[in-house]
Amino acid sequence: MTPLVTAAVLVAAVTHAGWNAIAHRITDKLVGFTLIAGGGALIGLAMIPFVPFPAAGAWPYLIASAVIHVAYYVLLMRSFRLGDFGQAYPIARGTAPLVVTLFAALFAHEVPDGWAAAGIAVSCAGLTGVALWGLRGSRPNWAAIVAALATGLTIAAYTVVDGLGVRASGSSLAYIAWLMAVEGVAVPAYALHRWRGELLPVLRPFAAVGLLGAALSVAAYGLVLWAQTRAELAPVAALRESSIIVGAAIGAVFFKERFGAPRIAAAGLVVVGIGLMLHAG
């Protein structure tokens, strides 16, 4: 993985943690995800006139990804309702890299070499440490944990599907534009059905912060899709999930959730893993 790709994925990690924190901050999760998903759809629609049409081979992946993303939104909303941000976010994101490694080997025929495999393993150890630290000192909320684990599986699924789809599309910008436009309508459509004539009054107090979350979401995933056209899927997924460290820091600063020395050590492992993956590139 080149330094440029690494930098792009690290920026994506920061912006991803940012939009997830915004989604968690908005008390009514349906309001938050309606604004973020709907705002993403508007951004995608605004991009479409300026990007090429995705190649025909990308559309099965794009449609499958849109369906998986809807499941992801539903499960992530449930995770945030049931668990703390510092617990739900690390478990959901930390589940994905190893599953992506397996899926990438099975479906994309990408088996990481020694350095990349070591980097993925070390980074995952750090990410697991952050997740486990989020469970300390309290009785586990198994409903929240199961929801977060299921969220992680959807993350792994759409990561591999989109990695294959964006490579077949001919343009990462075209793929992200159409993906946002297609996937972004489901949650707002449900909200419109639920609230009917009261939709705008419900959304208006959170519109500015929600649309900021939408912009961060599109930027984060657009960078990841671009990176997936220039590097193997598993290292990109592992590096992207360094957003867990950013998320833990956000939880400590804004949600008053304890960070602690174990999370600092876990962050160090993630940095070492990044170094190993860079060595592989």
C-alpha atoms as a PDB file:
ATOM      1  CA  MET A   1       0.000   0.000   0.000  1.00  0.00           C
ATOM      2  CA  THR A   2       1.500   3.338  -1.044  1.00  0.00           C
ATOM      3  CA  PRO A   3       1.769   6.356   1.304  1.00  0.00           C
ATOM      4  CA  LEU A   4      -0.849   8.226  -0.783  1.00  0.00           C
ATOM      5  CA  VAL A   5      -3.380   5.404  -0.435  1.00  0.00           C
ATOM      6  CA  THR A   6      -2.576   5.121   3.266  1.00  0.00           C
ATOM      7  CA  ALA A   7      -3.137   8.846   3.773  1.00  0.00           C
ATOM      8  CA  ALA A   8      -6.455   8.706   1.910  1.00  0.00           C
ATOM      9  CA  VAL A   9      -7.728   5.822   4.043  1.00  0.00           C
ATOM     10  CA  LEU A  10      -6.609   7.520   7.281  1.00  0.00           C
ATOM     11  CA  VAL A  11      -8.502  10.678   6.291  1.00  0.00           C
ATOM     12  CA  ALA A  12     -11.488   8.430   5.556  1.00  0.00           C
ATOM     13  CA  ALA A  13     -11.136   6.923   9.037  1.00  0.00           C
ATOM     14  CA  VAL A  14     -11.324  10.339  10.687  1.00  0.00           C
ATOM     15  CA  THR A  15     -14.302  11.511   8.627  1.00  0.00           C
ATOM     16  CA  HIS A  16     -16.070   8.177   9.175  1.00  0.00           C
ATOM     17  CA  ALA A  17     -15.715   8.409  12.937  1.00  0.00           C
ATOM     18  CA  GLY A  18     -17.010  11.964  12.689  1.00  0.00           C
ATOM     19  CA  TRP A  19     -20.249  11.102  10.934  1.00  0.00           C
ATOM     20  CA  ASN A  20     -20.858   8.146  13.243  1.00  0.00           C
ATOM     21  CA  ALA A  21     -20.420  10.457  16.238  1.00  0.00           C
ATOM     22  CA  ILE A  22     -22.959  12.867  14.723  1.00  0.00           C
ATOM     23  CA  ALA A  23     -25.396   9.986  14.199  1.00  0.00           C
ATOM     24  CA  HIS A  24     -24.928   8.940  17.810  1.00  0.00           C
ATOM     25  CA  ARG A  25     -25.265  12.499  19.085  1.00  0.00           C
ATOM     26  CA  ILE A  26     -28.748  12.957  17.585  1.00  0.00           C
ATOM     27  CA  THR A  27     -31.024  11.375  20.172  1.00  0.00           C
ATOM     28  CA  ASP A  28     -33.643  10.109  17.729  1.00  0.00           C
ATOM     29  CA  LYS A  29     -31.616   7.709  15.603  1.00  0.00           C
ATOM     30  CA  LEU A  30     -34.164   7.676  12.781  1.00  0.00           C
ATOM     31  CA  VAL A  31     -33.864  11.451  12.519  1.00  0.00           C
ATOM     32  CA  GLY A  32     -30.079  11.221  12.378  1.00  0.00           C
ATOM     33  CA  PHE A  33     -29.922   8.473   9.792  1.00  0.00           C
ATOM     34  CA  THR A  34     -32.677  10.065   7.688  1.00  0.00           C
ATOM     35  CA  LEU A  35     -30.622  13.232   7.399  1.00  0.00           C
ATOM     36  CA  ILE A  36     -27.334  11.403   6.791  1.00  0.00           C
ATOM     37  CA  ALA A  37     -28.700   8.897   4.279  1.00  0.00           C
ATOM     38  CA  GLY A  38     -30.981  11.428   2.600  1.00  0.00           C
ATOM     39  CA  GLY A  39     -28.209  14.022   2.470  1.00  0.00           C
ATOM     40  CA  GLY A  40     -25.923  11.411   0.936  1.00  0.00           C
ATOM     41  CA  ALA A  41     -28.545  10.691  -1.712  1.00  0.00           C
ATOM     42  CA  LEU A  42     -28.786  14.395  -2.561  1.00  0.00           C
ATOM     43  CA  ILE A  43     -24.997  14.632  -2.862  1.00  0.00           C
ATOM     44  CA  GLY A  44     -24.973  11.559  -5.089  1.00  0.00           C
ATOM     45  CA  LEU A  45     -27.687  12.986  -7.320  1.00  0.00           C
ATOM     46  CA  ALA A  46     -25.784  16.267  -7.571  1.00  0.00           C
ATOM     47  CA  MET A  47     -22.664  14.383  -8.667  1.00  0.00           C
ATOM     48  CA  ILE A  48     -24.335  12.198 -11.314  1.00  0.00           C
ATOM     49  CA  PRO A  49     -24.388  14.785 -14.156  1.00  0.00           C
ATOM     50  CA  PHE A  50     -20.630  15.260 -13.790  1.00  0.00           C
ATOM     51  CA  VAL A  51     -19.456  11.636 -13.688  1.00  0.00           C
ATOM     52  CA  PRO A  52     -19.521   8.835 -16.276  1.00  0.00           C
ATOM     53  CA  PHE A  53     -22.183   6.143 -16.128  1.00  0.00           C
ATOM     54  CA  PRO A  54     -20.856   3.050 -14.295  1.00  0.00           C
ATOM     55  CA  ALA A  55     -19.980   0.110 -16.536  1.00  0.00           C
ATOM     56  CA  ALA A  56     -22.623  -2.599 -16.836  1.00  0.00           C
ATOM     57  CA  GLY A  57     -20.526  -5.074 -14.856  1.00  0.00           C
ATOM     58  CA  ALA A  58     -20.671  -2.838 -11.777  1.00  0.00           C
ATOM     59  CA  TRP A  59     -24.455  -2.734 -11.437  1.00  0.00           C
ATOM     60  CA  PRO A  60     -25.033  -6.137  -9.783  1.00  0.00           C
ATOM     61  CA  TYR A  61     -22.502  -5.146  -7.127  1.00  0.00           C
ATOM     62  CA  LEU A  62     -23.979  -1.677  -6.773  1.00  0.00           C
ATOM     63  CA  ILE A  63     -27.526  -2.972  -6.240  1.00  0.00           C
ATOM     64  CA  ALA A  64     -26.331  -5.665  -3.814  1.00  0.00           C
ATOM     65  CA  SER A  65     -24.347  -3.055  -1.895  1.00  0.00           C
ATOM     66  CA  ALA A  66     -27.360  -0.746  -1.651  1.00  0.00           C
ATOM     67  CA  VAL A  67     -29.398  -3.563  -0.077  1.00  0.00           C
ATOM     68  CA  ILE A  68     -26.590  -4.449   2.346  1.00  0.00           C
ATOM     69  CA  HIS A  69     -26.190  -0.788   3.295  1.00  0.00           C
ATOM     70  CA  VAL A  70     -29.862  -0.571   4.245  1.00  0.00           C
ATOM     71  CA  ALA A  71     -29.363  -3.532   6.594  1.00  0.00           C
ATOM     72  CA  TYR A  72     -26.222  -1.810   7.895  1.00  0.00           C
ATOM     73  CA  TYR A  73     -28.135   1.394   8.681  1.00  0.00           C
ATOM     74  CA  VAL A  74     -30.872  -0.525  10.501  1.00  0.00           C
ATOM     75  CA  LEU A  75     -28.402  -2.523  12.577  1.00  0.00           C
ATOM     76  CA  LEU A  76     -26.217   0.500  13.329  1.00  0.00           C
ATOM     77  CA  MET A  77     -29.257   2.465  14.523  1.00  0.00           C
ATOM     78  CA  ARG A  78     -30.123  -0.428  16.817  1.00  0.00           C
ATOM     79  CA  SER A  79     -26.529  -0.658  18.081  1.00  0.00           C
ATOM     80  CA  PHE A  80     -26.469   3.048  18.924  1.00  0.00           C
ATOM     81  CA  ARG A  81     -29.845   2.849  20.671  1.00  0.00           C
ATOM     82  CA  LEU A  82     -28.775  -0.084  22.839  1.00  0.00           C
ATOM     83  CA  GLY A  83     -25.101   0.587  23.606  1.00  0.00           C
ATOM     84  CA  ASP A  84     -22.629   3.373  24.349  1.00  0.00           C
ATOM     85  CA  PHE A  85     -20.837   4.892  21.364  1.00  0.00           C
ATOM     86  CA  GLY A  86     -17.464   3.790  22.789  1.00  0.00           C
ATOM     87  CA  GLN A  87     -18.732   0.205  22.946  1.00  0.00           C
ATOM     88  CA  ALA A  88     -20.979  -0.185  19.888  1.00  0.00           C
ATOM     89  CA  TYR A  89     -18.691   1.581  17.402  1.00  0.00           C
ATOM     90  CA  PRO A  90     -15.499  -0.407  18.186  1.00  0.00           C
ATOM     91  CA  ILE A  91     -17.281  -3.770  18.149  1.00  0.00           C
ATOM     92  CA  ALA A  92     -19.063  -3.025  14.876  1.00  0.00           C
ATOM     93  CA  ARG A  93     -15.961  -1.719  13.135  1.00  0.00           C
ATOM     94  CA  GLY A  94     -13.521  -4.167  14.736  1.00  0.00           C
ATOM     95  CA  THR A  95     -15.453  -7.184  13.519  1.00  0.00           C
ATOM     96  CA  ALA A  96     -15.002  -6.270   9.872  1.00  0.00           C
ATOM     97  CA  PRO A  97     -11.267  -6.505   8.953  1.00  0.00           C
ATOM     98  CA  LEU A  98     -10.720 -10.208   9.607  1.00  0.00           C
ATOM     99  CA  VAL A  99     -14.003 -11.103   7.876  1.00  0.00           C
ATOM    100  CA  VAL A 100     -12.999  -8.913   4.924  1.00  0.00           C
ATOM    101  CA  THR A 101      -9.670 -10.751   4.780  1.00  0.00           C
ATOM    102  CA  LEU A 102     -11.530 -14.065   4.512  1.00  0.00           C
ATOM    103  CA  PHE A 103     -14.078 -12.764   1.979  1.00  0.00           C
ATOM    104  CA  ALA A 104     -11.364 -11.116  -0.126  1.00  0.00           C
ATOM    105  CA  ALA A 105      -9.459 -14.382  -0.282  1.00  0.00           C
ATOM    106  CA  LEU A 106     -12.596 -16.308  -1.276  1.00  0.00           C
ATOM    107  CA  PHE A 107     -14.193 -13.891  -3.755  1.00  0.00           C
ATOM    108  CA  ALA A 108     -11.403 -11.577  -4.949  1.00  0.00           C
ATOM    109  CA  HIS A 109      -8.565 -14.135  -4.763  1.00  0.00           C
ATOM    110  CA  GLU A 110      -6.521 -11.687  -2.673  1.00  0.00           C
ATOM    111  CA  VAL A 111      -4.398 -13.527  -0.127  1.00  0.00           C
ATOM    112  CA  PRO A 112      -2.231 -11.063   1.820  1.00  0.00           C
ATOM    113  CA  ASP A 113       1.518 -11.663   1.882  1.00  0.00           C
ATOM    114  CA  GLY A 114       3.481 -12.055   5.102  1.00  0.00           C
ATOM    115  CA  TRP A 115       3.907  -8.346   5.902  1.00  0.00           C
ATOM    116  CA  ALA A 116       0.324  -7.433   5.045  1.00  0.00           C
ATOM    117  CA  ALA A 117      -1.046 -10.395   7.015  1.00  0.00           C
ATOM    118  CA  ALA A 118       1.067  -9.422  10.018  1.00  0.00           C
ATOM    119  CA  GLY A 119      -0.107  -5.819   9.754  1.00  0.00           C
ATOM    120  CA  ILE A 120      -3.756  -6.866   9.551  1.00  0.00           C
ATOM    121  CA  ALA A 121      -3.354  -9.210  12.531  1.00  0.00           C
ATOM    122  CA  VAL A 122      -1.579  -6.612  14.702  1.00  0.00           C
ATOM    123  CA  SER A 123      -4.088  -3.892  13.794  1.00  0.00           C
ATOM    124  CA  CYS A 124      -6.996  -6.226  14.546  1.00  0.00           C
ATOM    125  CA  ALA A 125      -5.432  -7.026  17.924  1.00  0.00           C
ATOM    126  CA  GLY A 126      -5.398  -3.316  18.684  1.00  0.00           C
ATOM    127  CA  LEU A 127      -8.957  -2.838  17.462  1.00  0.00           C
ATOM    128  CA  THR A 128     -10.118  -5.797  19.563  1.00  0.00           C
ATOM    129  CA  GLY A 129      -8.424  -4.233  22.570  1.00  0.00           C
ATOM    130  CA  VAL A 130     -10.417  -1.042  22.088  1.00  0.00           C
ATOM    131  CA  ALA A 131     -13.649  -3.016  21.759  1.00  0.00           C
ATOM    132  CA  LEU A 132     -12.975  -5.118  24.872  1.00  0.00           C
ATOM    133  CA  TRP A 133     -12.027  -2.018  26.856  1.00  0.00           C
ATOM    134  CA  GLY A 134     -15.464  -0.633  26.008  1.00  0.00           C
ATOM    135  CA  LEU A 135     -16.993  -3.624  27.853  1.00  0.00           C
ATOM    136  CA  ARG A 136     -14.990  -3.314  31.060  1.00  0.00           C
ATOM    137  CA  GLY A 137     -16.515  -2.813  34.468  1.00  0.00           C
ATOM    138  CA  SER A 138     -20.136  -3.446  33.532  1.00  0.00           C
ATOM    139  CA  ARG A 139     -22.442  -6.320  32.818  1.00  0.00           C
ATOM    140  CA  PRO A 140     -22.396  -6.969  29.070  1.00  0.00           C
ATOM    141  CA  ASN A 141     -25.462  -5.777  27.179  1.00  0.00           C
ATOM    142  CA  TRP A 142     -25.769  -8.820  24.944  1.00  0.00           C
ATOM    143  CA  ALA A 143     -28.483  -7.310  22.747  1.00  0.00           C
ATOM    144  CA  ALA A 144     -26.196  -4.353  21.993  1.00  0.00           C
ATOM    145  CA  ILE A 145     -23.195  -6.641  21.422  1.00  0.00           C
ATOM    146  CA  VAL A 146     -25.112  -8.912  19.028  1.00  0.00           C
ATOM    147  CA  ALA A 147     -26.420  -5.888  17.111  1.00  0.00           C
ATOM    148  CA  ALA A 148     -22.897  -4.466  16.868  1.00  0.00           C
ATOM    149  CA  LEU A 149     -21.468  -7.819  15.701  1.00  0.00           C
ATOM    150  CA  ALA A 150     -24.198  -8.129  13.068  1.00  0.00           C
ATOM    151  CA  THR A 151     -23.389  -4.581  11.969  1.00  0.00           C
ATOM    152  CA  GLY A 152     -19.765  -5.640  11.568  1.00  0.00           C
ATOM    153  CA  LEU A 153     -20.767  -8.506   9.286  1.00  0.00           C
ATOM    154  CA  THR A 154     -22.717  -6.128   7.042  1.00  0.00           C
ATOM    155  CA  ILE A 155     -19.662  -3.842   6.948  1.00  0.00           C
ATOM    156  CA  ALA A 156     -17.488  -6.731   5.813  1.00  0.00           C
ATOM    157  CA  ALA A 157     -20.055  -7.743   3.198  1.00  0.00           C
ATOM    158  CA  TYR A 158     -20.445  -4.326   1.595  1.00  0.00           C
ATOM    159  CA  THR A 159     -16.693  -3.690   1.773  1.00  0.00           C
ATOM    160  CA  VAL A 160     -15.969  -6.692  -0.436  1.00  0.00           C
ATOM    161  CA  VAL A 161     -18.979  -6.143  -2.702  1.00  0.00           C
ATOM    162  CA  ASP A 162     -18.038  -2.504  -3.238  1.00  0.00           C
ATOM    163  CA  GLY A 163     -14.368  -3.349  -3.708  1.00  0.00           C
ATOM    164  CA  LEU A 164     -15.294  -5.602  -6.606  1.00  0.00           C
ATOM    165  CA  GLY A 165     -17.953  -3.219  -7.893  1.00  0.00           C
ATOM    166  CA  VAL A 166     -15.819  -0.098  -7.969  1.00  0.00           C
ATOM    167  CA  ARG A 167     -13.104  -1.959  -9.876  1.00  0.00           C
ATOM    168  CA  ALA A 168     -15.684  -2.999 -12.460  1.00  0.00           C
ATOM    169  CA  SER A 169     -17.273   0.446 -12.708  1.00  0.00           C
ATOM    170  CA  GLY A 170     -14.500   2.281 -14.511  1.00  0.00           C
ATOM    171  CA  SER A 171     -14.775   5.288 -12.172  1.00  0.00           C
ATOM    172  CA  SER A 172     -14.738   5.471  -8.375  1.00  0.00           C
ATOM    173  CA  LEU A 173     -16.566   8.825  -8.511  1.00  0.00           C
ATOM    174  CA  ALA A 174     -19.311   7.328 -10.664  1.00  0.00           C
ATOM    175  CA  TYR A 175     -19.687   4.368  -8.327  1.00  0.00           C
ATOM    176  CA  ILE A 176     -19.930   6.466  -5.142  1.00  0.00           C
ATOM    177  CA  ALA A 177     -22.377   8.895  -6.776  1.00  0.00           C
ATOM    178  CA  TRP A 178     -24.782   6.175  -7.912  1.00  0.00           C
ATOM    179  CA  LEU A 179     -24.364   4.162  -4.710  1.00  0.00           C
ATOM    180  CA  MET A 180     -25.275   7.155  -2.550  1.00  0.00           C
ATOM    181  CA  ALA A 181     -28.224   8.010  -4.799  1.00  0.00           C
ATOM    182  CA  VAL A 182     -29.604   4.443  -4.758  1.00  0.00           C
ATOM    183  CA  GLU A 183     -28.986   3.444  -1.145  1.00  0.00           C
ATOM    184  CA  GLY A 184     -29.880   6.804   0.358  1.00  0.00           C
ATOM    185  CA  VAL A 185     -33.601   6.730  -0.410  1.00  0.00           C
ATOM    186  CA  ALA A 186     -34.633   3.785   1.791  1.00  0.00           C
ATOM    187  CA  VAL A 187     -34.300   5.360   5.251  1.00  0.00           C
ATOM    188  CA  PRO A 188     -35.880   8.720   4.267  1.00  0.00           C
ATOM    189  CA  ALA A 189     -38.721   6.838   2.544  1.00  0.00           C
ATOM    190  CA  TYR A 190     -39.429   4.943   5.767  1.00  0.00           C
ATOM    191  CA  ALA A 191     -39.252   8.166   7.769  1.00  0.00           C
ATOM    192  CA  LEU A 192     -41.674   9.853   5.351  1.00  0.00           C
ATOM    193  CA  HIS A 193     -44.104   6.946   5.774  1.00  0.00           C
ATOM    194  CA  ARG A 194     -43.778   7.074   9.559  1.00  0.00           C
ATOM    195  CA  TRP A 195     -44.057  10.828  10.072  1.00  0.00           C
ATOM    196  CA  ARG A 196     -46.039  11.754   6.933  1.00  0.00           C
ATOM    197  CA  GLY A 197     -46.794  15.507   7.047  1.00  0.00           C
ATOM    198  CA  GLU A 198     -44.596  16.056  10.105  1.00  0.00           C
ATOM    199  CA  LEU A 199     -41.329  15.030   8.437  1.00  0.00           C
ATOM    200  CA  LEU A 200     -39.853  18.495   7.915  1.00  0.00           C
ATOM    201  CA  PRO A 201     -40.700  19.799  11.428  1.00  0.00           C
ATOM    202  CA  VAL A 202     -39.094  16.690  12.915  1.00  0.00           C
ATOM    203  CA  LEU A 203     -35.919  17.017  10.838  1.00  0.00           C
ATOM    204  CA  ARG A 204     -35.489  20.805  10.872  1.00  0.00           C
ATOM    205  CA  PRO A 205     -33.810  21.194  14.320  1.00  0.00           C
ATOM    206  CA  PHE A 206     -31.051  18.770  13.332  1.00  0.00           C
ATOM    207  CA  ALA A 207     -30.782  19.582   9.638  1.00  0.00           C
ATOM    208  CA  ALA A 208     -27.436  21.393   9.695  1.00  0.00           C
ATOM    209  CA  VAL A 209     -25.547  18.832  11.765  1.00  0.00           C
ATOM    210  CA  GLY A 210     -27.224  15.937   9.946  1.00  0.00           C
ATOM    211  CA  LEU A 211     -26.242  17.242   6.529  1.00  0.00           C
ATOM    212  CA  LEU A 212     -22.690  17.752   7.796  1.00  0.00           C
ATOM    213  CA  GLY A 213     -22.758  14.062   8.738  1.00  0.00           C
ATOM    214  CA  ALA A 214     -23.942  13.236   5.219  1.00  0.00           C
ATOM    215  CA  ALA A 215     -21.049  15.129   3.651  1.00  0.00           C
ATOM    216  CA  LEU A 216     -18.554  13.403   5.940  1.00  0.00           C
ATOM    217  CA  SER A 217     -20.109  10.023   5.111  1.00  0.00           C
ATOM    218  CA  VAL A 218     -19.820  10.523   1.350  1.00  0.00           C
ATOM    219  CA  ALA A 219     -16.250  11.832   1.639  1.00  0.00           C
ATOM    220  CA  ALA A 220     -15.211   8.936   3.874  1.00  0.00           C
ATOM    221  CA  TYR A 221     -16.580   6.187   1.667  1.00  0.00           C
ATOM    222  CA  GLY A 222     -15.513   7.860  -1.549  1.00  0.00           C
ATOM    223  CA  LEU A 223     -11.910   7.842  -0.331  1.00  0.00           C
ATOM    224  CA  VAL A 224     -12.190   4.180   0.655  1.00  0.00           C
ATOM    225  CA  LEU A 225     -13.615   3.219  -2.743  1.00  0.00           C
ATOM    226  CA  TRP A 226     -10.794   5.045  -4.501  1.00  0.00           C
ATOM    227  CA  ALA A 227      -8.263   3.247  -2.278  1.00  0.00           C
ATOM    228  CA  GLN A 228      -9.837  -0.108  -3.133  1.00  0.00           C
ATOM    229  CA  THR A 229      -8.982   0.465  -6.789  1.00  0.00           C
ATOM    230  CA  ARG A 230      -5.308   0.855  -5.871  1.00  0.00           C
ATOM    231  CA  ALA A 231      -4.736  -1.640  -3.060  1.00  0.00           C
ATOM    232  CA  GLU A 232      -6.002  -5.009  -1.856  1.00  0.00           C
ATOM    233  CA  LEU A 233      -9.272  -5.050   0.064  1.00  0.00           C
ATOM    234  CA  ALA A 234      -8.114  -6.498   3.390  1.00  0.00           C
ATOM    235  CA  PRO A 235      -5.345  -3.969   4.193  1.00  0.00           C
ATOM    236  CA  VAL A 236      -7.631  -1.093   3.214  1.00  0.00           C
ATOM    237  CA  ALA A 237     -10.354  -2.469   5.517  1.00  0.00           C
ATOM    238  CA  ALA A 238      -7.948  -2.911   8.431  1.00  0.00           C
ATOM    239  CA  LEU A 239      -6.486   0.558   7.985  1.00  0.00           C
ATOM    240  CA  ARG A 240      -9.914   2.122   7.613  1.00  0.00           C
ATOM    241  CA  GLU A 241     -10.955   0.710  10.962  1.00  0.00           C
ATOM    242  CA  SER A 242      -8.346   2.838  12.695  1.00  0.00           C
ATOM    243  CA  SER A 243     -11.442   5.053  12.866  1.00  0.00           C
ATOM    244  CA  ILE A 244     -12.120   3.054  16.043  1.00  0.00           C
ATOM    245  CA  ILE A 245      -9.308   4.932  17.771  1.00  0.00           C
ATOM    246  CA  VAL A 246     -10.731   8.237  16.556  1.00  0.00           C
ATOM    247  CA  GLY A 247     -14.184   7.115  17.674  1.00  0.00           C
ATOM    248  CA  ALA A 248     -12.873   6.227  21.136  1.00  0.00           C
ATOM    249  CA  ALA A 249     -11.269   9.664  21.412  1.00  0.00           C
ATOM    250  CA  ILE A 250     -14.527  11.326  20.307  1.00  0.00           C
ATOM    251  CA  GLY A 251     -16.407   9.269  22.889  1.00  0.00           C
ATOM    252  CA  ALA A 252     -14.013  10.443  25.601  1.00  0.00           C
ATOM    253  CA  VAL A 253     -14.065  14.127  24.636  1.00  0.00           C
ATOM    254  CA  PHE A 254     -17.706  14.668  23.631  1.00  0.00           C
ATOM    255  CA  PHE A 255     -19.621  11.841  25.344  1.00  0.00           C
ATOM    256  CA  LYS A 256     -17.507  11.740  28.532  1.00  0.00           C
ATOM    257  CA  GLU A 257     -16.639   8.067  28.039  1.00  0.00           C
ATOM    258  CA  ARG A 258     -13.355   6.944  29.561  1.00  0.00           C
ATOM    259  CA  PHE A 259     -10.420   6.464  27.181  1.00  0.00           C
ATOM    260  CA  GLY A 260      -7.794   4.944  29.490  1.00  0.00           C
ATOM    261  CA  ALA A 261      -4.307   3.506  29.174  1.00  0.00           C
ATOM    262  CA  PRO A 262      -5.442   0.218  27.536  1.00  0.00           C
ATOM    263  CA  ARG A 263      -6.909   2.152  24.647  1.00  0.00           C
ATOM    264  CA  ILE A 264      -3.665   4.085  24.282  1.00  0.00           C
ATOM    265  CA  ALA A 265      -1.810   0.756  24.087  1.00  0.00           C
ATOM    266  CA  ALA A 266      -4.361  -0.543  21.582  1.00  0.00           C
ATOM    267  CA  ALA A 267      -3.838   2.573  19.473  1.00  0.00           C
ATOM    268  CA  GLY A 268      -0.116   1.827  19.514  1.00  0.00           C
ATOM    269  CA  LEU A 269      -0.768  -1.656  18.119  1.00  0.00           C
ATOM    270  CA  VAL A 270      -2.841  -0.156  15.319  1.00  0.00           C
ATOM    271  CA  VAL A 271       0.046   2.180  14.444  1.00  0.00           C
ATOM    272  CA  VAL A 272       2.469  -0.769  14.374  1.00  0.00           C
ATOM    273  CA  GLY A 273       0.053  -2.664  12.121  1.00  0.00           C
ATOM    274  CA  ILE A 274      -0.123   0.307   9.764  1.00  0.00           C
ATOM    275  CA  GLY A 275       3.675   0.322   9.593  1.00  0.00           C
ATOM    276  CA  LEU A 276       3.730  -3.359   8.664  1.00  0.00           C
ATOM    277  CA  MET A 277       1.123  -2.847   5.946  1.00  0.00           C
ATOM    278  CA  LEU A 278       3.143   0.048   4.542  1.00  0.00           C
ATOM    279  CA  HIS A 279       6.188  -2.204   4.472  1.00  0.00           C
ATOM    280  CA  ALA A 280       4.132  -4.639   2.401  1.00  0.00           C
ATOM    281  CA  GLY A 281       3.350  -1.891  -0.098  1.00  0.00           C
END
